[in-house]
Amino acid sequence: MRIDELHKFSDGTLNDVRNALDDRLKGIRMQYLPSTIWGKGD
């Protein structure tokens, strides 16, 4: 596969996937980070 073909494919699809994964990771961080920070303080 050529670079420009990959770029055309990645414009929409890959960005959507990347954004979905990024949102999911942010959600996971928001759930777990505060509990680990407060857990160490106790």
N, C-alpha and C. Protein backbone atom coordinates (compact mmCIF):
# COMPACT_ATOMS: atom_id res chain seq x y z
N MET A 1 0.85 -1.19 0.00
CA MET A 1 0.00 0.00 0.00
C MET A 1 0.88 1.24 0.00
N ARG A 2 0.54 2.18 -0.83
CA ARG A 2 1.34 3.40 -0.91
C ARG A 2 0.97 4.38 0.19
N ILE A 3 1.87 5.30 0.45
CA ILE A 3 1.67 6.26 1.53
C ILE A 3 0.41 7.10 1.31
N ASP A 4 0.20 7.58 0.08
CA ASP A 4 -0.96 8.43 -0.17
C ASP A 4 -2.26 7.65 -0.04
N GLU A 5 -2.25 6.35 -0.35
CA GLU A 5 -3.44 5.53 -0.16
C GLU A 5 -3.73 5.37 1.33
N LEU A 6 -2.70 5.15 2.09
CA LEU A 6 -2.86 5.02 3.54
C LEU A 6 -3.36 6.34 4.14
N HIS A 7 -2.84 7.44 3.61
CA HIS A 7 -3.25 8.76 4.11
C HIS A 7 -4.72 9.01 3.82
N LYS A 8 -5.18 8.65 2.62
CA LYS A 8 -6.60 8.82 2.28
C LYS A 8 -7.48 7.99 3.21
N PHE A 9 -7.05 6.78 3.48
CA PHE A 9 -7.81 5.90 4.36
C PHE A 9 -7.83 6.46 5.79
N SER A 10 -6.69 6.95 6.22
CA SER A 10 -6.56 7.36 7.62
C SER A 10 -7.25 8.69 7.91
N ASP A 11 -7.53 9.47 6.89
CA ASP A 11 -8.14 10.79 7.12
C ASP A 11 -9.40 10.69 7.97
N GLY A 12 -10.33 9.83 7.59
CA GLY A 12 -11.58 9.75 8.33
C GLY A 12 -11.61 8.61 9.33
N THR A 13 -11.37 7.41 8.83
CA THR A 13 -11.56 6.22 9.66
C THR A 13 -10.60 6.18 10.83
N LEU A 14 -9.31 6.37 10.56
CA LEU A 14 -8.32 6.24 11.62
C LEU A 14 -8.49 7.34 12.66
N ASN A 15 -8.85 8.52 12.21
CA ASN A 15 -9.07 9.61 13.16
C ASN A 15 -10.26 9.32 14.06
N ASP A 16 -11.31 8.73 13.51
CA ASP A 16 -12.47 8.38 14.33
C ASP A 16 -12.08 7.35 15.38
N VAL A 17 -11.33 6.34 14.95
CA VAL A 17 -10.89 5.30 15.88
C VAL A 17 -9.98 5.90 16.95
N ARG A 18 -9.07 6.75 16.52
CA ARG A 18 -8.13 7.37 17.47
C ARG A 18 -8.87 8.23 18.47
N ASN A 19 -9.85 8.98 18.01
CA ASN A 19 -10.62 9.83 18.92
C ASN A 19 -11.43 8.99 19.90
N ALA A 20 -12.00 7.90 19.43
CA ALA A 20 -12.78 7.03 20.30
C ALA A 20 -11.90 6.41 21.38
N LEU A 21 -10.71 5.95 20.98
CA LEU A 21 -9.79 5.37 21.95
C LEU A 21 -9.30 6.43 22.92
N ASP A 22 -9.04 7.63 22.43
CA ASP A 22 -8.56 8.71 23.27
C ASP A 22 -9.61 9.08 24.31
N ASP A 23 -10.87 9.17 23.89
CA ASP A 23 -11.95 9.47 24.83
C ASP A 23 -12.08 8.38 25.87
N ARG A 24 -11.93 7.13 25.44
CA ARG A 24 -12.04 6.01 26.38
C ARG A 24 -10.90 6.04 27.39
N LEU A 25 -9.70 6.34 26.91
CA LEU A 25 -8.55 6.43 27.82
C LEU A 25 -8.72 7.57 28.81
N LYS A 26 -9.24 8.69 28.36
CA LYS A 26 -9.47 9.82 29.26
C LYS A 26 -10.49 9.44 30.32
N GLY A 27 -11.52 8.71 29.93
CA GLY A 27 -12.53 8.27 30.88
C GLY A 27 -11.95 7.34 31.92
N ILE A 28 -11.08 6.44 31.49
CA ILE A 28 -10.44 5.51 32.41
C ILE A 28 -9.54 6.27 33.38
N ARG A 29 -8.80 7.23 32.86
CA ARG A 29 -7.91 8.02 33.72
C ARG A 29 -8.71 8.79 34.76
N MET A 30 -9.83 9.34 34.36
CA MET A 30 -10.65 10.10 35.29
C MET A 30 -11.21 9.21 36.39
N GLN A 31 -11.43 7.94 36.08
CA GLN A 31 -11.95 7.01 37.09
C GLN A 31 -10.86 6.56 38.06
N TYR A 32 -9.67 6.26 37.53
CA TYR A 32 -8.65 5.59 38.34
C TYR A 32 -7.64 6.53 38.97
N LEU A 33 -7.28 7.62 38.30
CA LEU A 33 -6.24 8.49 38.84
C LEU A 33 -6.61 9.11 40.19
N PRO A 34 -7.78 9.68 40.35
CA PRO A 34 -8.10 10.28 41.65
C PRO A 34 -8.05 9.27 42.79
N SER A 35 -8.51 8.05 42.56
CA SER A 35 -8.51 7.06 43.63
C SER A 35 -7.09 6.64 44.00
N THR A 36 -6.19 6.58 43.03
CA THR A 36 -4.81 6.20 43.35
C THR A 36 -4.10 7.34 44.08
N ILE A 37 -4.40 8.57 43.72
CA ILE A 37 -3.77 9.71 44.38
C ILE A 37 -4.22 9.78 45.84
N TRP A 38 -5.52 9.66 46.06
CA TRP A 38 -6.03 9.74 47.43
C TRP A 38 -5.65 8.49 48.23
N GLY A 39 -5.55 7.34 47.54
CA GLY A 39 -5.20 6.10 48.23
C GLY A 39 -3.80 6.16 48.83
N LYS A 40 -2.86 6.79 48.13
CA LYS A 40 -1.50 6.89 48.65
C LYS A 40 -1.43 7.86 49.83
N GLY A 41 -2.31 8.84 49.85
CA GLY A 41 -2.30 9.82 50.94
C GLY A 41 -2.77 9.22 52.26
N ASP A 42 -3.61 8.21 52.19
CA ASP A 42 -4.09 7.57 53.40
C ASP A 42 -3.01 6.67 53.94
